[in-house]
PDB file of N, CA and C in Angstrom:
ATOM      1  N   MET A   1       0.840  -1.172   0.000  1.00  0.00           N
ATOM      2  CA  MET A   1       0.000   0.000   0.000  1.00  0.00           C
ATOM      3  C   MET A   1       0.889   1.240   0.000  1.00  0.00           C
ATOM      4  N   ARG A   2       0.449   2.216  -0.738  1.00  0.00           N
ATOM      5  CA  ARG A   2       1.038   3.552  -0.709  1.00  0.00           C
ATOM      6  C   ARG A   2      -0.123   4.534  -0.565  1.00  0.00           C
ATOM      7  N   TYR A   3       0.144   5.635   0.099  1.00  0.00           N
ATOM      8  CA  TYR A   3      -0.940   6.606   0.206  1.00  0.00           C
ATOM      9  C   TYR A   3      -0.413   8.029   0.165  1.00  0.00           C
ATOM     10  N   LEU A   4      -1.306   8.912  -0.224  1.00  0.00           N
ATOM     11  CA  LEU A   4      -1.064  10.351  -0.209  1.00  0.00           C
ATOM     12  C   LEU A   4      -2.117  10.987   0.682  1.00  0.00           C
ATOM     13  N   GLU A   5      -1.757  12.079   1.298  1.00  0.00           N
ATOM     14  CA  GLU A   5      -2.679  12.769   2.189  1.00  0.00           C
ATOM     15  C   GLU A   5      -2.607  14.263   1.914  1.00  0.00           C
ATOM     16  N   TRP A   6      -3.778  14.884   1.771  1.00  0.00           N
ATOM     17  CA  TRP A   6      -3.862  16.329   1.615  1.00  0.00           C
ATOM     18  C   TRP A   6      -4.743  16.866   2.733  1.00  0.00           C
ATOM     19  N   VAL A   7      -4.285  17.920   3.356  1.00  0.00           N
ATOM     20  CA  VAL A   7      -5.062  18.585   4.399  1.00  0.00           C
ATOM     21  C   VAL A   7      -5.285  20.022   3.952  1.00  0.00           C
ATOM     22  N   TYR A   8      -6.535  20.455   3.996  1.00  0.00           N
ATOM     23  CA  TYR A   8      -6.816  21.836   3.612  1.00  0.00           C
ATOM     24  C   TYR A   8      -8.022  22.356   4.375  1.00  0.00           C
ATOM     25  N   ASP A   9      -8.120  23.666   4.435  1.00  0.00           N
ATOM     26  CA  ASP A   9      -9.180  24.331   5.184  1.00  0.00           C
ATOM     27  C   ASP A   9      -9.964  25.239   4.252  1.00  0.00           C
ATOM     28  N   PRO A  10     -11.090  24.753   3.717  1.00  0.00           N
ATOM     29  CA  PRO A  10     -11.839  25.571   2.764  1.00  0.00           C
ATOM     30  C   PRO A  10     -12.494  26.805   3.381  1.00  0.00           C
ATOM     31  N   ASP A  11     -12.707  26.790   4.711  1.00  0.00           N
ATOM     32  CA  ASP A  11     -13.324  27.938   5.370  1.00  0.00           C
ATOM     33  C   ASP A  11     -12.565  28.231   6.668  1.00  0.00           C
ATOM     34  N   PRO A  12     -11.604  29.112   6.617  1.00  0.00           N
ATOM     35  CA  PRO A  12     -10.795  29.409   7.809  1.00  0.00           C
ATOM     36  C   PRO A  12     -11.587  30.006   8.966  1.00  0.00           C
ATOM     37  N   ASP A  13     -12.831  30.415   8.717  1.00  0.00           N
ATOM     38  CA  ASP A  13     -13.637  31.028   9.768  1.00  0.00           C
ATOM     39  C   ASP A  13     -14.448  30.031  10.584  1.00  0.00           C
ATOM     40  N   ASP A  14     -14.411  28.729  10.225  1.00  0.00           N
ATOM     41  CA  ASP A  14     -15.116  27.751  11.048  1.00  0.00           C
ATOM     42  C   ASP A  14     -14.092  26.879  11.776  1.00  0.00           C
ATOM     43  N   SER A  15     -14.563  25.845  12.460  1.00  0.00           N
ATOM     44  CA  SER A  15     -13.657  25.025  13.278  1.00  0.00           C
ATOM     45  C   SER A  15     -13.370  23.665  12.650  1.00  0.00           C
ATOM     46  N   THR A  16     -13.600  23.531  11.334  1.00  0.00           N
ATOM     47  CA  THR A  16     -13.333  22.253  10.677  1.00  0.00           C
ATOM     48  C   THR A  16     -12.300  22.400   9.572  1.00  0.00           C
ATOM     49  N   TYR A  17     -11.710  21.265   9.192  1.00  0.00           N
ATOM     50  CA  TYR A  17     -10.816  21.192   8.047  1.00  0.00           C
ATOM     51  C   TYR A  17     -10.995  19.826   7.402  1.00  0.00           C
ATOM     52  N   ILE A  18     -10.492  19.651   6.198  1.00  0.00           N
ATOM     53  CA  ILE A  18     -10.719  18.416   5.441  1.00  0.00           C
ATOM     54  C   ILE A  18      -9.391  17.719   5.187  1.00  0.00           C
ATOM     55  N   THR A  19      -9.403  16.407   5.311  1.00  0.00           N
ATOM     56  CA  THR A  19      -8.256  15.582   4.951  1.00  0.00           C
ATOM     57  C   THR A  19      -8.710  14.579   3.901  1.00  0.00           C
ATOM     58  N   ASP A  20      -8.024  14.580   2.761  1.00  0.00           N
ATOM     59  CA  ASP A  20      -8.276  13.601   1.701  1.00  0.00           C
ATOM     60  C   ASP A  20      -7.135  12.601   1.681  1.00  0.00           C
ATOM     61  N   PHE A  21      -7.487  11.327   1.564  1.00  0.00           N
ATOM     62  CA  PHE A  21      -6.499  10.255   1.447  1.00  0.00           C
ATOM     63  C   PHE A  21      -6.698   9.558   0.107  1.00  0.00           C
ATOM     64  N   ALA A  22      -5.604   9.293  -0.586  1.00  0.00           N
ATOM     65  CA  ALA A  22      -5.638   8.484  -1.810  1.00  0.00           C
ATOM     66  C   ALA A  22      -4.754   7.268  -1.557  1.00  0.00           C
ATOM     67  N   TYR A  23      -5.324   6.076  -1.719  1.00  0.00           N
ATOM     68  CA  TYR A  23      -4.621   4.820  -1.447  1.00  0.00           C
ATOM     69  C   TYR A  23      -4.376   4.067  -2.748  1.00  0.00           C
ATOM     70  N   LEU A  24      -3.160   3.606  -2.957  1.00  0.00           N
ATOM     71  CA  LEU A  24      -2.815   2.683  -4.034  1.00  0.00           C
ATOM     72  C   LEU A  24      -2.608   1.322  -3.388  1.00  0.00           C
ATOM     73  N   LEU A  25      -3.422   0.355  -3.760  1.00  0.00           N
ATOM     74  CA  LEU A  25      -3.386  -0.961  -3.124  1.00  0.00           C
ATOM     75  C   LEU A  25      -3.004  -2.028  -4.140  1.00  0.00           C
ATOM     76  N   ARG A  26      -1.969  -2.805  -3.813  1.00  0.00           N
ATOM     77  CA  ARG A  26      -1.556  -3.904  -4.687  1.00  0.00           C
ATOM     78  C   ARG A  26      -2.027  -5.211  -4.063  1.00  0.00           C
ATOM     79  N   GLU A  27      -2.765  -5.968  -4.854  1.00  0.00           N
ATOM     80  CA  GLU A  27      -3.306  -7.246  -4.395  1.00  0.00           C
ATOM     81  C   GLU A  27      -2.266  -8.355  -4.567  1.00  0.00           C
ATOM     82  N   ALA A  28      -2.582  -9.547  -4.051  1.00  0.00           N
ATOM     83  CA  ALA A  28      -1.664 -10.688  -4.141  1.00  0.00           C
ATOM     84  C   ALA A  28      -1.357 -11.053  -5.594  1.00  0.00           C
ATOM     85  N   ASP A  29      -2.335 -10.852  -6.495  1.00  0.00           N
ATOM     86  CA  ASP A  29      -2.104 -11.168  -7.915  1.00  0.00           C
ATOM     87  C   ASP A  29      -1.391 -10.026  -8.649  1.00  0.00           C
ATOM     88  N   ARG A  30      -0.920  -9.035  -7.910  1.00  0.00           N
ATOM     89  CA  ARG A  30      -0.188  -7.864  -8.396  1.00  0.00           C
ATOM     90  C   ARG A  30      -1.076  -6.829  -9.108  1.00  0.00           C
ATOM     91  N   SER A  31      -2.370  -7.037  -9.122  1.00  0.00           N
ATOM     92  CA  SER A  31      -3.257  -5.999  -9.660  1.00  0.00           C
ATOM     93  C   SER A  31      -3.301  -4.842  -8.659  1.00  0.00           C
ATOM     94  N   ILE A  32      -3.562  -3.664  -9.178  1.00  0.00           N
ATOM     95  CA  ILE A  32      -3.567  -2.467  -8.345  1.00  0.00           C
ATOM     96  C   ILE A  32      -4.918  -1.773  -8.477  1.00  0.00           C
ATOM     97  N   HIS A  33      -5.432  -1.312  -7.351  1.00  0.00           N
ATOM     98  CA  HIS A  33      -6.618  -0.457  -7.413  1.00  0.00           C
ATOM     99  C   HIS A  33      -6.432   0.724  -6.474  1.00  0.00           C
ATOM    100  N   ILE A  34      -7.253   1.729  -6.703  1.00  0.00           N
ATOM    101  CA  ILE A  34      -7.136   3.004  -6.002  1.00  0.00           C
ATOM    102  C   ILE A  34      -8.412   3.254  -5.204  1.00  0.00           C
ATOM    103  N   GLU A  35      -8.237   3.743  -3.988  1.00  0.00           N
ATOM    104  CA  GLU A  35      -9.361   4.131  -3.136  1.00  0.00           C
ATOM    105  C   GLU A  35      -9.152   5.560  -2.666  1.00  0.00           C
ATOM    106  N   HIS A  36     -10.252   6.248  -2.441  1.00  0.00           N
ATOM    107  CA  HIS A  36     -10.210   7.621  -1.920  1.00  0.00           C
ATOM    108  C   HIS A  36     -11.063   7.658  -0.662  1.00  0.00           C
ATOM    109  N   ASP A  37     -10.587   8.386   0.347  1.00  0.00           N
ATOM    110  CA  ASP A  37     -11.322   8.535   1.599  1.00  0.00           C
ATOM    111  C   ASP A  37     -11.201   9.985   2.031  1.00  0.00           C
ATOM    112  N   GLN A  38     -12.306  10.583   2.462  1.00  0.00           N
ATOM    113  CA  GLN A  38     -12.291  11.971   2.898  1.00  0.00           C
ATOM    114  C   GLN A  38     -12.805  12.057   4.329  1.00  0.00           C
ATOM    115  N   HIS A  39     -12.076  12.794   5.163  1.00  0.00           N
ATOM    116  CA  HIS A  39     -12.468  12.992   6.555  1.00  0.00           C
ATOM    117  C   HIS A  39     -12.667  14.482   6.806  1.00  0.00           C
ATOM    118  N   ILE A  40     -13.771  14.802   7.464  1.00  0.00           N
ATOM    119  CA  ILE A  40     -13.975  16.168   7.930  1.00  0.00           C
ATOM    120  C   ILE A  40     -13.589  16.164   9.404  1.00  0.00           C
ATOM    121  N   ASN A  41     -12.562  16.918   9.731  1.00  0.00           N
ATOM    122  CA  ASN A  41     -12.015  16.970  11.078  1.00  0.00           C
ATOM    123  C   ASN A  41     -12.282  18.340  11.669  1.00  0.00           C
ATOM    124  N   GLY A  42     -12.124  18.445  12.966  1.00  0.00           N
ATOM    125  CA  GLY A  42     -12.322  19.740  13.580  1.00  0.00           C
ATOM    126  C   GLY A  42     -11.769  19.814  14.978  1.00  0.00           C
ATOM    127  N   ILE A  43     -11.707  21.013  15.452  1.00  0.00           N
ATOM    128  CA  ILE A  43     -11.310  21.280  16.822  1.00  0.00           C
ATOM    129  C   ILE A  43     -12.520  21.938  17.479  1.00  0.00           C
ATOM    130  N   PHE A  44     -13.036  21.264  18.504  1.00  0.00           N
ATOM    131  CA  PHE A  44     -14.275  21.714  19.122  1.00  0.00           C
ATOM    132  C   PHE A  44     -14.080  21.843  20.632  1.00  0.00           C
ATOM    133  N   SER A  45     -14.853  22.712  21.217  1.00  0.00           N
ATOM    134  CA  SER A  45     -14.818  22.858  22.671  1.00  0.00           C
ATOM    135  C   SER A  45     -15.450  21.634  23.321  1.00  0.00           C
ATOM    136  N   ARG A  46     -15.188  21.450  24.574  1.00  0.00           N
ATOM    137  CA  ARG A  46     -15.782  20.339  25.331  1.00  0.00           C
ATOM    138  C   ARG A  46     -17.309  20.430  25.288  1.00  0.00           C
ATOM    139  N   ARG A  47     -17.828  21.626  25.448  1.00  0.00           N
ATOM    140  CA  ARG A  47     -19.285  21.827  25.419  1.00  0.00           C
ATOM    141  C   ARG A  47     -19.872  21.403  24.071  1.00  0.00           C
ATOM    142  N   GLU A  48     -19.182  21.784  22.951  1.00  0.00           N
ATOM    143  CA  GLU A  48     -19.669  21.391  21.620  1.00  0.00           C
ATOM    144  C   GLU A  48     -19.685  19.870  21.470  1.00  0.00           C
ATOM    145  N   TRP A  49     -18.618  19.192  21.931  1.00  0.00           N
ATOM    146  CA  TRP A  49     -18.571  17.726  21.849  1.00  0.00           C
ATOM    147  C   TRP A  49     -19.741  17.108  22.612  1.00  0.00           C
ATOM    148  N   LEU A  50     -19.952  17.552  23.846  1.00  0.00           N
ATOM    149  CA  LEU A  50     -21.022  16.982  24.657  1.00  0.00           C
ATOM    150  C   LEU A  50     -22.390  17.247  24.043  1.00  0.00           C
ATOM    151  N   ASN A  51     -22.614  18.465  23.534  1.00  0.00           N
ATOM    152  CA  ASN A  51     -23.897  18.784  22.892  1.00  0.00           C
ATOM    153  C   ASN A  51     -24.115  17.954  21.630  1.00  0.00           C
ATOM    154  N   ASN A  52     -23.071  17.820  20.805  1.00  0.00           N
ATOM    155  CA  ASN A  52     -23.209  17.033  19.577  1.00  0.00           C
ATOM    156  C   ASN A  52     -23.499  15.571  19.878  1.00  0.00           C
ATOM    157  N   MET A  53     -22.817  15.020  20.866  1.00  0.00           N
ATOM    158  CA  MET A  53     -23.070  13.626  21.242  1.00  0.00           C
ATOM    159  C   MET A  53     -24.517  13.450  21.715  1.00  0.00           C
ATOM    160  N   LYS A  54     -24.982  14.375  22.528  1.00  0.00           N
ATOM    161  CA  LYS A  54     -26.355  14.317  23.026  1.00  0.00           C
ATOM    162  C   LYS A  54     -27.353  14.439  21.864  1.00  0.00           C
ATOM    163  N   ASN A  55     -27.072  15.345  20.918  1.00  0.00           N
ATOM    164  CA  ASN A  55     -27.983  15.572  19.788  1.00  0.00           C
ATOM    165  C   ASN A  55     -28.131  14.356  18.877  1.00  0.00           C
ATOM    166  N   ILE A  56     -27.141  13.471  18.850  1.00  0.00           N
ATOM    167  CA  ILE A  56     -27.256  12.270  18.014  1.00  0.00           C
ATOM    168  C   ILE A  56     -27.671  11.036  18.817  1.00  0.00           C
ATOM    169  N   GLY A  57     -28.058  11.254  20.081  1.00  0.00           N
ATOM    170  CA  GLY A  57     -28.665  10.183  20.846  1.00  0.00           C
ATOM    171  C   GLY A  57     -27.781   9.465  21.853  1.00  0.00           C
ATOM    172  N   PHE A  58     -26.553   9.929  22.052  1.00  0.00           N
ATOM    173  CA  PHE A  58     -25.685   9.297  23.037  1.00  0.00           C
ATOM    174  C   PHE A  58     -25.819   9.978  24.393  1.00  0.00           C
ATOM    175  N   GLN A  59     -25.619   9.205  25.436  1.00  0.00           N
ATOM    176  CA  GLN A  59     -25.399   9.778  26.756  1.00  0.00           C
ATOM    177  C   GLN A  59     -23.902  10.052  26.801  1.00  0.00           C
ATOM    178  N   ALA A  60     -23.539  11.303  26.946  1.00  0.00           N
ATOM    179  CA  ALA A  60     -22.122  11.666  26.859  1.00  0.00           C
ATOM    180  C   ALA A  60     -21.628  12.195  28.191  1.00  0.00           C
ATOM    181  N   ARG A  61     -20.402  11.805  28.519  1.00  0.00           N
ATOM    182  CA  ARG A  61     -19.769  12.360  29.706  1.00  0.00           C
ATOM    183  C   ARG A  61     -18.253  12.315  29.543  1.00  0.00           C
ATOM    184  N   ILE A  62     -17.591  13.127  30.339  1.00  0.00           N
ATOM    185  CA  ILE A  62     -16.135  13.178  30.364  1.00  0.00           C
ATOM    186  C   ILE A  62     -15.668  12.301  31.522  1.00  0.00           C
ATOM    187  N   VAL A  63     -14.725  11.420  31.242  1.00  0.00           N
ATOM    188  CA  VAL A  63     -14.165  10.562  32.292  1.00  0.00           C
ATOM    189  C   VAL A  63     -12.653  10.775  32.352  1.00  0.00           C
ATOM    190  N   SER A  64     -12.096  10.684  33.539  1.00  0.00           N
ATOM    191  CA  SER A  64     -10.650  10.799  33.715  1.00  0.00           C
ATOM    192  C   SER A  64     -10.024   9.423  33.574  1.00  0.00           C
ATOM    193  N   LEU A  65      -8.848   9.378  32.990  1.00  0.00           N
ATOM    194  CA  LEU A  65      -8.144   8.111  32.881  1.00  0.00           C
ATOM    195  C   LEU A  65      -6.651   8.354  32.925  1.00  0.00           C
ATOM    196  N   GLU A  66      -5.923   7.321  33.280  1.00  0.00           N
ATOM    197  CA  GLU A  66      -4.474   7.398  33.276  1.00  0.00           C
ATOM    198  C   GLU A  66      -3.966   6.666  32.049  1.00  0.00           C
ATOM    199  N   HIS A  67      -3.010   7.268  31.384  1.00  0.00           N
ATOM    200  CA  HIS A  67      -2.425   6.665  30.191  1.00  0.00           C
ATOM    201  C   HIS A  67      -1.373   5.654  30.623  1.00  0.00           C
ATOM    202  N   SER A  68      -1.419   4.453  30.050  1.00  0.00           N
ATOM    203  CA  SER A  68      -0.538   3.371  30.485  1.00  0.00           C
ATOM    204  C   SER A  68       0.932   3.602  30.137  1.00  0.00           C
ATOM    205  N   GLU A  69       1.221   4.506  29.207  1.00  0.00           N
ATOM    206  CA  GLU A  69       2.603   4.690  28.777  1.00  0.00           C
ATOM    207  C   GLU A  69       3.208   6.027  29.194  1.00  0.00           C
ATOM    208  N   ILE A  70       2.449   6.846  29.896  1.00  0.00           N
ATOM    209  CA  ILE A  70       2.957   8.137  30.325  1.00  0.00           C
ATOM    210  C   ILE A  70       2.783   8.219  31.839  1.00  0.00           C
ATOM    211  N   GLU A  71       3.887   8.385  32.524  1.00  0.00           N
ATOM    212  CA  GLU A  71       3.863   8.394  33.970  1.00  0.00           C
ATOM    213  C   GLU A  71       3.258   9.683  34.516  1.00  0.00           C
ATOM    214  N   SER A  72       2.450   9.558  35.529  1.00  0.00           N
ATOM    215  CA  SER A  72       1.911  10.694  36.295  1.00  0.00           C
ATOM    216  C   SER A  72       1.120  11.694  35.459  1.00  0.00           C
ATOM    217  N   GLU A  73       0.499  11.258  34.419  1.00  0.00           N
ATOM    218  CA  GLU A  73      -0.321  12.166  33.617  1.00  0.00           C
ATOM    219  C   GLU A  73      -1.781  11.722  33.704  1.00  0.00           C
ATOM    220  N   LEU A  74      -2.663  12.664  33.846  1.00  0.00           N
ATOM    221  CA  LEU A  74      -4.083  12.383  33.891  1.00  0.00           C
ATOM    222  C   LEU A  74      -4.730  12.955  32.632  1.00  0.00           C
ATOM    223  N   PHE A  75      -5.532  12.165  31.963  1.00  0.00           N
ATOM    224  CA  PHE A  75      -6.178  12.571  30.721  1.00  0.00           C
ATOM    225  C   PHE A  75      -7.688  12.497  30.876  1.00  0.00           C
ATOM    226  N   ASN A  76      -8.393  13.279  30.078  1.00  0.00           N
ATOM    227  CA  ASN A  76      -9.847  13.190  29.993  1.00  0.00           C
ATOM    228  C   ASN A  76     -10.213  12.538  28.684  1.00  0.00           C
ATOM    229  N   ALA A  77     -11.241  11.740  28.717  1.00  0.00           N
ATOM    230  CA  ALA A  77     -11.746  11.089  27.504  1.00  0.00           C
ATOM    231  C   ALA A  77     -13.247  11.336  27.420  1.00  0.00           C
ATOM    232  N   LEU A  78     -13.742  11.476  26.198  1.00  0.00           N
ATOM    233  CA  LEU A  78     -15.162  11.623  25.967  1.00  0.00           C
ATOM    234  C   LEU A  78     -15.759  10.234  25.844  1.00  0.00           C
ATOM    235  N   LEU A  79     -16.734   9.943  26.656  1.00  0.00           N
ATOM    236  CA  LEU A  79     -17.384   8.629  26.641  1.00  0.00           C
ATOM    237  C   LEU A  79     -18.808   8.804  26.149  1.00  0.00           C
ATOM    238  N   GLY A  80     -19.153   8.100  25.058  1.00  0.00           N
ATOM    239  CA  GLY A  80     -20.511   8.136  24.537  1.00  0.00           C
ATOM    240  C   GLY A  80     -21.166   6.784  24.743  1.00  0.00           C
ATOM    241  N   ILE A  81     -22.301   6.777  25.437  1.00  0.00           N
ATOM    242  CA  ILE A  81     -23.021   5.539  25.729  1.00  0.00           C
ATOM    243  C   ILE A  81     -24.290   5.517  24.889  1.00  0.00           C
ATOM    244  N   ASN A  82     -24.458   4.416  24.155  1.00  0.00           N
ATOM    245  CA  ASN A  82     -25.656   4.240  23.345  1.00  0.00           C
ATOM    246  C   ASN A  82     -26.715   3.590  24.229  1.00  0.00           C
ATOM    247  N   PRO A  83     -27.734   4.363  24.629  1.00  0.00           N
ATOM    248  CA  PRO A  83     -28.726   3.827  25.581  1.00  0.00           C
ATOM    249  C   PRO A  83     -29.520   2.647  25.040  1.00  0.00           C
TER     250      PRO A  83
END
C-alpha cells in the first residue's frame, strides 16, 4: 500500500478542516486499485462535543483516565453511551 494525504481548510472562519487520502493498493495477484477517503475533522470545545453527542442520541460524559505509557499524567476522555 502507498498513500497520499492532503489537508486543507476551505473555510478558515469555522472550526473544521478536510483531509483527503488516496490509497494505491496492490493485491496478491499484483493488480492495483485506487481508493479515496475523505475525513472532515475539527477542533471543538468540550461543550460542543457533549452537545453534539447528546444531539445524536448518546449519553455523553467526560471521564478521567491514566495513560498506560505516560507516567503521572491524567487525561480526559469523551465517553458516549448508546442507551
